[in-house]
Each structure stands twice: as C-alpha cells, then as structure tokens.
Protein backbone atom coordinates (compact mmCIF):
# COMPACT_ATOMS: atom_id res chain seq x y z
CA MET A 1 90.35 101.80 82.50
CA TYR A 2 93.52 101.91 84.30
CA ILE A 3 94.13 102.48 88.62
CA GLY A 4 93.98 106.08 88.32
CA LYS A 5 91.10 106.47 86.92
CA ALA A 6 89.23 103.67 88.55
CA ALA A 7 90.83 105.91 91.44
CA LEU A 8 89.30 109.08 90.26
CA LEU A 9 86.20 107.84 89.63
CA SER A 10 85.21 105.56 92.88
CA GLY A 11 86.72 108.41 94.98
CA THR A 12 89.38 106.39 96.42
CA THR A 13 93.11 106.29 96.37
CA ILE A 14 95.59 104.37 94.39
CA LYS A 15 96.98 102.72 97.55
CA ALA A 16 93.31 101.92 98.83
CA ILE A 17 92.79 99.99 95.80
CA ARG A 18 96.31 98.38 96.25
CA HIS A 19 95.45 97.45 99.44
CA TYR A 20 91.95 95.85 98.81
CA GLU A 21 93.30 94.05 96.14
CA ASP A 22 96.41 92.62 98.66
CA ILE A 23 93.34 91.87 101.38
CA GLY A 24 91.33 90.09 98.80
CA LEU A 25 88.29 93.07 98.65
CA LEU A 26 88.70 93.55 95.36
CA PRO A 27 89.56 90.62 93.11
CA PRO A 28 92.64 90.81 91.09
CA PRO A 29 92.30 93.01 87.76
CA GLN A 30 93.45 92.60 84.02
CA ARG A 31 96.28 93.76 83.22
CA GLU A 32 98.06 94.90 79.88
CA GLY A 33 101.49 94.81 79.94
CA ARG A 34 102.06 96.27 83.44
CA TYR A 35 99.43 98.10 83.93
CA ARG A 36 96.28 96.84 85.60
CA VAL A 37 93.06 97.55 83.52
CA TYR A 38 89.91 98.39 85.54
CA SER A 39 86.04 97.46 84.77
CA ALA A 40 82.98 99.36 85.06
CA GLN A 41 82.43 96.59 88.16
CA SER A 42 85.41 97.02 89.68
CA VAL A 43 84.85 100.66 90.07
CA GLU A 44 81.21 99.77 91.45
CA LEU A 45 82.63 97.71 94.11
CA LEU A 46 85.64 100.52 94.76
CA MET A 47 82.43 102.71 95.20
CA PHE A 48 80.70 100.21 97.70
CA ILE A 49 83.41 99.61 99.97
CA LYS A 50 84.17 103.21 100.48
CA CYS A 51 80.59 103.66 101.12
CA ALA A 52 80.16 100.75 103.36
CA GLN A 53 83.56 101.92 105.14
CA GLN A 54 81.82 105.62 105.26
CA LEU A 55 78.95 104.06 106.85
CA GLY A 56 80.70 102.24 109.57
CA PHE A 57 81.97 98.96 108.77
CA LYS A 58 85.12 98.10 109.19
CA LEU A 59 87.56 96.18 106.48
CA LYS A 60 87.33 92.59 108.53
CA GLU A 61 83.35 92.80 108.26
CA LEU A 62 83.84 93.55 104.11
CA GLN A 63 85.93 91.08 103.82
CA LYS A 64 83.21 88.34 104.90
CA ILE A 65 80.78 90.15 102.85
CA LEU A 66 82.59 89.99 99.55
CA HIS A 67 84.32 86.72 100.17
CA GLY A 68 84.40 84.72 97.33
CA HIS A 69 83.07 87.75 95.06
CA GLN A 70 85.48 87.48 91.73
CA GLY A 71 83.91 90.61 89.71
CA ASP A 72 80.17 89.14 89.52
CA GLU A 73 76.98 90.80 90.95
CA LEU A 74 77.91 92.01 94.27
CA PRO A 75 76.61 89.26 97.21
CA TRP A 76 73.76 91.33 98.44
CA GLN A 77 72.28 89.07 100.23
CA ARG A 78 75.26 88.78 102.57
CA ALA A 79 75.50 92.76 102.50
CA SER A 80 71.71 93.05 103.65
CA LYS A 81 72.25 90.84 106.73
CA ALA A 82 75.28 92.71 107.47
CA ILE A 83 73.46 96.10 106.90
CA ALA A 84 70.70 94.52 109.27
CA ASP A 85 73.23 93.49 111.90
CA LYS A 86 74.97 96.54 111.82
CA LYS A 87 71.85 98.38 112.51
CA ARG A 88 70.93 96.19 115.50
CA GLU A 89 74.44 97.11 116.95
CA LEU A 90 74.35 101.09 116.12
CA VAL A 91 70.35 100.82 118.04
CA SER A 92 72.48 98.86 120.95
CA ARG A 93 75.20 101.33 121.22
CA ILE A 94 72.54 104.71 120.72
CA GLU A 95 71.01 102.98 123.64
CA ALA A 96 73.91 102.65 125.62
CA LEU A 97 75.07 106.38 125.23
CA GLN A 98 71.64 107.45 125.86
CA SER A 99 71.51 105.50 129.07
CA VAL A 100 75.02 107.26 129.49
CA HIS A 101 73.73 110.68 129.10
CA ALA A 102 70.66 110.33 131.24
CA GLY A 103 73.38 109.69 133.71
CA LEU A 104 75.23 112.20 133.37
CA VAL A 105 72.41 114.56 133.33
CA ALA A 106 71.28 113.16 137.07
CA PHE A 107 74.92 113.70 137.92
CA GLU A 108 74.98 116.91 137.01
CA THR A 109 71.83 117.66 138.77
CA SER A 110 72.67 116.41 142.40
CA LEU A 111 76.22 118.11 141.60
CA GLU A 112 74.39 121.22 141.27
CA ALA A 113 71.72 120.90 144.11
CA ASP A 114 74.81 120.09 146.14
CA THR A 115 76.55 122.99 145.37
CA GLN A 116 73.56 125.52 146.14
CA GLN A 117 72.71 123.30 149.31
CA CYS A 118 76.96 124.79 150.04
CA CYS A 119 75.84 128.41 148.96
CA ASP A 120 72.49 127.99 151.25
CA ARG A 121 74.49 126.73 154.74
CA ALA A 122 77.25 128.91 153.85
CA SER A 123 75.05 132.34 153.88
CA VAL A 124 73.14 130.94 156.83
CA SER A 125 76.02 130.85 158.90
CA GLY A 126 77.64 133.66 157.91
CA ALA A 127 74.23 135.60 158.95
CA GLU A 128 74.17 133.99 162.40
CA LYS A 129 77.69 135.03 162.92
CA GLY A 130 76.58 139.09 161.93
C-alpha cells in the first residue's frame, strides 16, 4: 500500500510517516519506482508509535525501544521494560503532584484562617469604638 493508505489505516499523517523514517523509527519502505510501498507490519508499527506517543512516550524513548528494528516482530521485551519504567515514572510524578496538592490545601486553609482572624479582630475593634 502507498503512504496515503498507510497514514489513513494507522491514524497518522504522511508528514509524520516521513519524519519517522528520517529519524529511524520506521524502517525504509520498499519502493515501486518513486513510490513508497508499506506493508501491514509497517501500519502495525505506525499504530504502535502513535499509541505510545498518546501514552506519554517521547520519540527519543521510542527510538531506544525500536533501535535495530527492521520490520520483523516488534522488540516486545524492550517495550515491556520501557512501559514498566514509564509507569514507575508516572507513580513518582503522581506522588509529587499529590504532595503539591496537599501543600496548596494547607496553604489555602491557613490563608482562610488568617482572613477570618483579621475579620474577627476588625469586628471586635469596631465594637469597642461604638
């Protein structure tokens, strides 16, 4: 199949496919004259790349996973390790964000308490003047 159909089936763009080839994520396709011809394996790889990107993988990370991949079966062992690493990274980021959230809640509570104390003092001093 030609590049347009590969893009359509994989949910990517022609420009993205050419970029993936340029940076080595996608092996160079067969050629029929000046046309690139893609296989079902190429479409599967494109769908893998798109899915991985949507789940937070950067192209540099995908290059490490797919290094040396030349159209045979995907390197599942490297992909599984990268997924496990990404999950650990996300857990760490979630914990850090939860800590920031707790700090913001505490900060907000202290500000509300300070505001309330200020209002209480103002009403007491206003009552003393009256």
